Amino acid sequence: MNPEVVGIGEVLIDFIATEPVPYIEASVFKRFFGGAPMNTLVGISRLGSTSGAITVVGDDPFGHFLLRELKSNGVDVSRVKIKKKLRTTLAFVVNEPETGERTFIFYRSPWVRGTSVDSLLPEDIDYEYISSAKILHVSGFALSQNPTRKAIFEAIFHARREGVKVSFDPTLRLDVWRSERTIQTIYGKALKLLDIATFSREESEFIFGTSDPDKAADKALKYGINIVGIKLGEKGALVKTRDGARVYMPAFKVKAIDTTGAGDGWNAGLLFGLLRDWDLEKCVTIANAVGALVVTRHGAITALPYRNELNDFLRERGLDIKV
């Protein structure tokens, strides 16, 4: 299989509280598939493209669950490594009662050693597999620790040599990094190597030092990135390009249950549209629609739409757009 999009980075278990309460009051957590780049791959596959994963899972029940979920969603797992003597990475998630916004507690480095997210080696990567793709999608979360950081940069360098576009989502989680200075250094290195980069409003403010999405996008473009997206949650999204295009689209109004994975779904919609050479306005509209659908149910991939579901959503809102 030669997938159009290859994703590299973390895959993990999200244990999400069944009630919107603080951690100390949460008594029941439900298991869900998680990991930003892999959520995006599932979204791309459900929309009708092809995707493949480069990642590591532990040889444990959680790792085998994640593999099963990737397979059942049409993601190629032939380059996923199952490693013994490792535990699959875990995250615990709660959602704020009013907004659905979530907070995370991770069981991985620097808090826990010997987890799958930190165990991807350069020799684990099939570089020809990357060469055959159109886009390599990378998560910044997995850049927080070596040796995985080194492996991912090797993959990025290879993609650039081979003319494969590199897409990046920082997936900023402060508590898995050793310092904010390290984050800025590593992200700064990555930003110089990208074709496409997407940021939440919080990420763009942290990285670029401004709450103005236009100014943040302009700063990102100065790194040489061709397409920059700023995801603004309930306010929609802004995308700017190196050749001067600017598209802002408002968000679709839905009842937010759980925002976990919304940005990953948005990425899937954008990348799917770019693969099909749609105009930027359609790409952002589709991305907003996918992101909106994700928040309507618990779990990062639970409500990721299939093509017919997305078309129904758009039609119900009076839009003459078909995927």
Protein backbone atom coordinates (compact mmCIF):
# COMPACT_ATOMS: atom_id res chain seq x y z
CA MET A 1 0.00 0.00 0.00
CA ASN A 2 1.21 3.50 -0.87
CA PRO A 3 -0.94 5.85 1.24
CA GLU A 4 -1.39 9.48 0.27
CA VAL A 5 -0.74 10.61 3.85
CA VAL A 6 1.73 9.02 6.24
CA GLY A 7 1.48 10.09 9.88
CA ILE A 8 4.32 9.79 12.37
CA GLY A 9 4.15 10.30 16.12
CA GLU A 10 2.12 9.22 19.11
CA VAL A 11 -0.75 6.79 19.40
CA LEU A 12 -2.16 6.32 22.88
CA ILE A 13 -5.16 5.54 25.04
CA ASP A 14 -7.35 8.42 26.18
CA PHE A 15 -9.23 7.65 29.38
CA ILE A 16 -11.95 10.29 29.35
CA ALA A 17 -14.09 11.04 32.39
CA THR A 18 -17.73 10.18 31.74
CA GLU A 19 -18.87 13.29 33.61
CA PRO A 20 -17.62 16.89 33.20
CA VAL A 21 -16.08 17.21 36.66
CA PRO A 22 -12.57 17.87 38.08
CA TYR A 23 -10.18 14.92 38.25
CA ILE A 24 -10.57 14.55 42.00
CA GLU A 25 -14.32 14.07 41.56
CA ALA A 26 -14.19 11.83 38.48
CA SER A 27 -15.01 8.24 39.39
CA VAL A 28 -15.47 6.67 35.94
CA PHE A 29 -13.19 6.99 32.92
CA LYS A 30 -13.96 5.41 29.54
CA ARG A 31 -11.27 4.14 27.17
CA PHE A 32 -10.89 5.78 23.74
CA PHE A 33 -8.43 5.70 20.87
CA GLY A 34 -6.07 8.71 20.94
CA GLY A 35 -2.92 10.34 19.62
CA ALA A 36 -3.08 13.48 17.49
CA PRO A 37 -1.41 12.33 14.23
CA MET A 38 -3.25 9.02 14.28
CA ASN A 39 -6.60 10.74 14.86
CA THR A 40 -5.88 12.76 11.74
CA LEU A 41 -5.07 9.61 9.77
CA VAL A 42 -8.39 8.07 10.79
CA GLY A 43 -10.18 11.23 9.69
CA ILE A 44 -8.47 11.21 6.31
CA SER A 45 -9.30 7.55 5.80
CA ARG A 46 -12.97 8.03 6.70
CA LEU A 47 -13.26 10.85 4.18
CA GLY A 48 -12.09 8.53 1.44
CA SER A 49 -8.34 9.00 1.10
CA THR A 50 -5.57 6.59 2.10
CA SER A 51 -3.35 6.87 5.15
CA GLY A 52 -0.62 4.94 6.91
CA ALA A 53 0.95 5.06 10.37
CA ILE A 54 4.52 5.09 11.59
CA THR A 55 4.44 4.66 15.35
CA VAL A 56 5.09 2.32 18.27
CA VAL A 57 2.73 0.45 20.59
CA GLY A 58 3.49 -1.75 23.55
CA ASP A 59 2.91 -5.49 23.38
CA ASP A 60 0.00 -5.18 25.76
CA PRO A 61 -3.82 -5.15 25.51
CA PHE A 62 -3.94 -1.38 24.99
CA GLY A 63 -1.43 -1.55 22.14
CA HIS A 64 -3.39 -4.29 20.41
CA PHE A 65 -6.61 -2.30 20.87
CA LEU A 66 -5.01 0.69 19.13
CA LEU A 67 -3.83 -1.48 16.25
CA ARG A 68 -7.29 -2.93 15.87
CA GLU A 69 -8.85 0.53 15.78
CA LEU A 70 -6.39 1.77 13.15
CA LYS A 71 -7.03 -1.28 10.98
CA SER A 72 -10.81 -1.08 11.32
CA ASN A 73 -10.66 2.54 10.17
CA GLY A 74 -8.68 1.73 7.05
CA VAL A 75 -5.30 3.03 8.23
CA ASP A 76 -2.34 0.97 7.04
CA VAL A 77 -0.47 -0.39 10.08
CA SER A 78 2.22 -2.36 8.25
CA ARG A 79 4.88 0.07 9.57
CA VAL A 80 3.68 0.16 13.17
CA LYS A 81 6.17 -1.43 15.57
CA ILE A 82 4.96 -3.61 18.44
CA LYS A 83 7.67 -3.60 21.10
CA LYS A 84 7.94 -5.95 24.04
CA LYS A 85 8.85 -4.67 27.50
CA LEU A 86 7.05 -1.39 26.76
CA ARG A 87 3.76 -0.06 28.01
CA THR A 88 1.42 1.71 25.64
CA THR A 89 1.14 5.38 26.54
CA LEU A 90 -1.90 6.52 28.54
CA ALA A 91 -3.63 9.87 29.00
CA PHE A 92 -6.43 10.84 31.37
CA VAL A 93 -8.80 13.56 30.21
CA VAL A 94 -11.53 15.62 31.83
CA ASN A 95 -13.79 18.20 30.21
CA GLU A 96 -14.93 21.48 31.69
CA PRO A 97 -18.72 21.47 32.32
CA GLU A 98 -19.52 24.68 30.44
CA THR A 99 -17.18 24.66 27.44
CA GLY A 100 -16.22 21.04 26.86
CA GLU A 101 -12.55 22.12 26.88
CA ARG A 102 -10.26 19.43 28.19
CA THR A 103 -7.18 18.99 30.33
CA PHE A 104 -4.75 16.07 30.20
CA ILE A 105 -2.61 14.03 32.55
CA PHE A 106 -0.08 11.89 30.65
CA TYR A 107 1.62 8.69 31.73
CA ARG A 108 4.83 8.96 29.70
CA SER A 109 8.18 10.74 29.88
CA PRO A 110 9.24 12.75 31.78
CA TRP A 111 6.84 11.24 34.34
CA VAL A 112 6.99 7.54 33.37
CA ARG A 113 9.81 5.68 31.62
CA GLY A 114 9.49 2.85 29.11
CA THR A 115 6.37 3.97 27.26
CA SER A 116 5.64 3.59 23.58
CA VAL A 117 5.61 7.28 22.62
CA ASP A 118 9.27 7.61 23.58
CA SER A 119 10.49 4.48 21.80
CA LEU A 120 10.44 5.18 18.06
CA LEU A 121 13.99 4.82 16.72
CA PRO A 122 15.39 6.06 13.39
CA GLU A 123 15.92 2.44 12.36
CA ASP A 124 12.21 1.73 12.95
CA ILE A 125 11.26 3.96 10.01
CA ASP A 126 10.71 2.70 6.47
CA TYR A 127 11.92 5.73 4.53
CA GLU A 128 10.74 4.39 1.18
CA TYR A 129 7.25 4.26 2.66
CA ILE A 130 7.50 8.00 3.29
CA SER A 131 8.86 8.57 -0.23
CA SER A 132 5.72 7.07 -1.74
CA ALA A 133 3.39 9.46 0.11
CA LYS A 134 2.19 12.93 -0.87
CA ILE A 135 2.15 14.29 2.67
CA LEU A 136 4.04 13.38 5.86
CA HIS A 137 1.98 14.53 8.86
CA VAL A 138 3.93 15.11 12.07
CA SER A 139 2.95 15.79 15.68
CA GLY A 140 5.01 18.07 17.89
CA PHE A 141 3.98 16.14 21.01
CA ALA A 142 6.31 13.27 20.09
CA LEU A 143 9.20 15.71 19.60
CA SER A 144 9.35 16.30 23.35
CA GLN A 145 11.72 13.39 24.09
CA ASN A 146 14.54 11.48 22.44
CA PRO A 147 15.05 9.06 20.72
CA THR A 148 11.66 9.68 19.11
CA ARG A 149 12.55 13.32 18.44
CA LYS A 150 15.62 12.26 16.45
CA ALA A 151 13.61 9.68 14.51
CA ILE A 152 10.93 12.18 13.54
CA PHE A 153 13.44 14.77 12.38
CA GLU A 154 15.13 12.08 10.26
CA ALA A 155 11.72 11.38 8.70
CA ILE A 156 11.16 15.08 8.02
CA PHE A 157 14.58 15.51 6.40
CA HIS A 158 13.93 12.48 4.21
CA ALA A 159 10.50 13.75 3.15
CA ARG A 160 11.96 17.08 2.12
CA ARG A 161 14.68 15.41 0.06
CA GLU A 162 12.05 13.32 -1.69
CA GLY A 163 9.65 16.18 -2.40
CA VAL A 164 7.02 14.93 0.04
CA LYS A 165 5.12 17.79 1.68
CA VAL A 166 5.48 18.00 5.46
CA SER A 167 2.46 18.91 7.59
CA PHE A 168 2.90 19.79 11.27
CA ASP A 169 0.62 20.18 14.26
CA PRO A 170 2.45 21.17 17.46
CA THR A 171 0.02 19.36 19.81
CA LEU A 172 1.42 21.48 22.62
CA ARG A 173 1.25 19.83 26.05
CA LEU A 174 3.56 21.67 28.43
CA ASP A 175 3.85 18.92 31.03
CA VAL A 176 5.62 16.46 28.67
CA TRP A 177 8.48 18.90 28.01
CA ARG A 178 11.45 19.65 30.23
CA SER A 179 11.21 23.42 29.79
CA GLU A 180 9.46 26.09 27.75
CA ARG A 181 12.83 27.10 26.34
CA THR A 182 13.29 23.57 24.94
CA ILE A 183 9.87 23.72 23.33
CA GLN A 184 10.68 26.99 21.57
CA THR A 185 14.04 25.62 20.37
CA ILE A 186 12.64 22.37 18.97
CA TYR A 187 9.55 23.95 17.44
CA GLY A 188 11.72 26.65 15.90
CA LYS A 189 13.84 23.97 14.24
CA ALA A 190 10.73 22.18 12.96
CA LEU A 191 9.01 25.30 11.61
CA LYS A 192 11.86 25.88 9.15
CA LEU A 193 11.20 22.49 7.54
CA LEU A 194 7.45 22.60 6.88
CA ASP A 195 5.06 23.06 3.99
CA ILE A 196 1.85 23.09 6.07
CA ALA A 197 1.43 24.01 9.74
CA THR A 198 -1.70 24.32 11.85
CA PHE A 199 -2.01 25.77 15.34
CA SER A 200 -4.68 26.20 17.97
CA ARG A 201 -5.07 29.79 19.15
CA GLU A 202 -3.31 28.85 22.41
CA GLU A 203 -0.43 27.25 20.52
CA SER A 204 -0.03 30.20 18.17
CA GLU A 205 0.04 32.64 21.10
CA PHE A 206 2.63 30.54 22.95
CA ILE A 207 4.90 30.04 19.94
CA PHE A 208 4.59 33.45 18.26
CA GLY A 209 3.88 35.70 21.25
CA THR A 210 0.67 37.27 19.97
CA SER A 211 -3.04 36.65 20.45
CA ASP A 212 -3.79 38.16 17.02
CA PRO A 213 -4.24 35.20 14.63
CA ASP A 214 -3.28 37.26 11.58
CA LYS A 215 -0.02 38.35 13.16
CA ALA A 216 0.69 34.81 14.36
CA ALA A 217 0.09 33.41 10.88
CA ASP A 218 2.35 36.06 9.36
CA LYS A 219 5.14 35.16 11.80
CA ALA A 220 4.74 31.48 10.89
CA LEU A 221 4.92 32.26 7.18
CA LYS A 222 8.27 33.98 7.72
CA TYR A 223 9.75 30.57 8.55
CA GLY A 224 9.10 29.57 4.93
CA ILE A 225 5.88 27.62 5.52
CA ASN A 226 3.52 27.65 2.53
CA ILE A 227 0.16 27.19 4.29
CA VAL A 228 -0.60 28.23 7.88
CA GLY A 229 -3.84 27.46 9.69
CA ILE A 230 -4.94 29.01 13.01
CA LYS A 231 -7.79 27.06 14.62
CA LEU A 232 -9.98 29.40 16.66
CA GLY A 233 -12.44 26.96 18.21
CA GLU A 234 -15.96 28.38 18.39
CA LYS A 235 -14.79 31.41 16.37
CA GLY A 236 -13.82 29.36 13.31
CA ALA A 237 -10.47 29.26 11.56
CA LEU A 238 -8.01 31.41 9.64
CA VAL A 239 -5.72 30.14 6.89
CA LYS A 240 -3.03 32.20 5.18
CA THR A 241 -0.60 31.23 2.45
CA ARG A 242 2.85 32.30 1.44
CA ASP A 243 1.53 33.69 -1.85
CA GLY A 244 -0.78 36.11 -0.06
CA ALA A 245 -4.12 34.31 0.14
CA ARG A 246 -6.21 34.75 3.30
CA VAL A 247 -9.36 32.83 4.20
CA TYR A 248 -11.34 33.19 7.41
CA MET A 249 -14.39 30.97 7.92
CA PRO A 250 -16.71 31.05 10.95
CA ALA A 251 -17.34 27.90 12.94
CA PHE A 252 -20.42 25.73 12.60
CA LYS A 253 -22.63 25.93 15.67
CA VAL A 254 -22.95 22.58 17.46
CA LYS A 255 -23.34 21.47 21.07
CA ALA A 256 -19.84 20.73 22.38
CA ILE A 257 -19.63 17.54 24.43
CA ASP A 258 -15.89 16.84 24.23
CA THR A 259 -13.33 18.88 22.30
CA THR A 260 -10.71 16.10 22.35
CA GLY A 261 -9.51 15.54 18.79
CA ALA A 262 -11.34 18.50 17.24
CA GLY A 263 -8.12 20.02 15.96
CA ASP A 264 -7.00 16.66 14.59
CA GLY A 265 -10.28 16.33 12.71
CA TRP A 266 -9.83 19.86 11.40
CA ASN A 267 -6.39 18.87 10.12
CA ALA A 268 -7.89 15.84 8.38
CA GLY A 269 -10.43 18.01 6.57
CA LEU A 270 -7.80 20.53 5.48
CA LEU A 271 -5.31 17.92 4.25
CA PHE A 272 -8.05 15.99 2.45
CA GLY A 273 -9.04 19.13 0.57
CA LEU A 274 -5.47 20.07 -0.27
CA LEU A 275 -4.85 16.60 -1.67
CA ARG A 276 -7.75 17.18 -4.03
CA ASP A 277 -6.58 20.65 -5.05
CA TRP A 278 -9.76 22.30 -3.79
CA ASP A 279 -9.78 26.07 -3.45
CA LEU A 280 -8.75 27.30 -0.01
CA GLU A 281 -12.25 28.44 0.99
CA LYS A 282 -13.67 24.97 0.41
CA CYS A 283 -10.75 23.38 2.27
CA VAL A 284 -11.37 25.53 5.34
CA THR A 285 -15.14 25.00 5.21
CA ILE A 286 -14.65 21.23 5.15
CA ALA A 287 -12.05 21.41 7.94
CA ASN A 288 -14.44 23.45 10.10
CA ALA A 289 -17.25 20.98 9.46
CA VAL A 290 -15.14 17.96 10.42
CA GLY A 291 -13.88 19.71 13.56
CA ALA A 292 -17.44 20.65 14.53
CA LEU A 293 -18.67 17.08 14.20
CA VAL A 294 -15.84 15.72 16.36
CA VAL A 295 -16.92 17.73 19.43
CA THR A 296 -20.46 16.33 19.43
CA ARG A 297 -19.44 13.04 21.08
CA HIS A 298 -16.87 11.81 23.61
CA GLY A 299 -13.57 10.59 22.15
CA ALA A 300 -11.17 11.91 19.55
CA ILE A 301 -12.34 9.71 16.65
CA THR A 302 -15.84 8.66 17.73
CA ALA A 303 -17.64 11.34 15.71
CA LEU A 304 -15.10 11.75 12.90
CA PRO A 305 -17.37 11.72 9.86
CA TYR A 306 -17.45 9.44 6.89
CA ARG A 307 -17.93 11.18 3.57
CA ASN A 308 -21.71 10.65 3.44
CA GLU A 309 -22.11 11.94 7.01
CA LEU A 310 -20.11 15.06 6.20
CA ASN A 311 -22.17 15.67 3.07
CA ASP A 312 -25.38 15.33 5.10
CA PHE A 313 -24.06 17.82 7.67
CA LEU A 314 -23.21 20.36 4.97
CA ARG A 315 -26.51 19.90 3.15
CA GLU A 316 -28.50 20.36 6.37
CA ARG A 317 -26.81 23.73 6.76
CA GLY A 318 -27.76 24.84 3.29
CA LEU A 319 -24.31 24.57 1.74
CA ASP A 320 -23.94 23.46 -1.86
CA ILE A 321 -20.65 21.67 -1.19
CA LYS A 322 -20.00 18.01 -1.75
CA VAL A 323 -17.00 15.98 -0.66
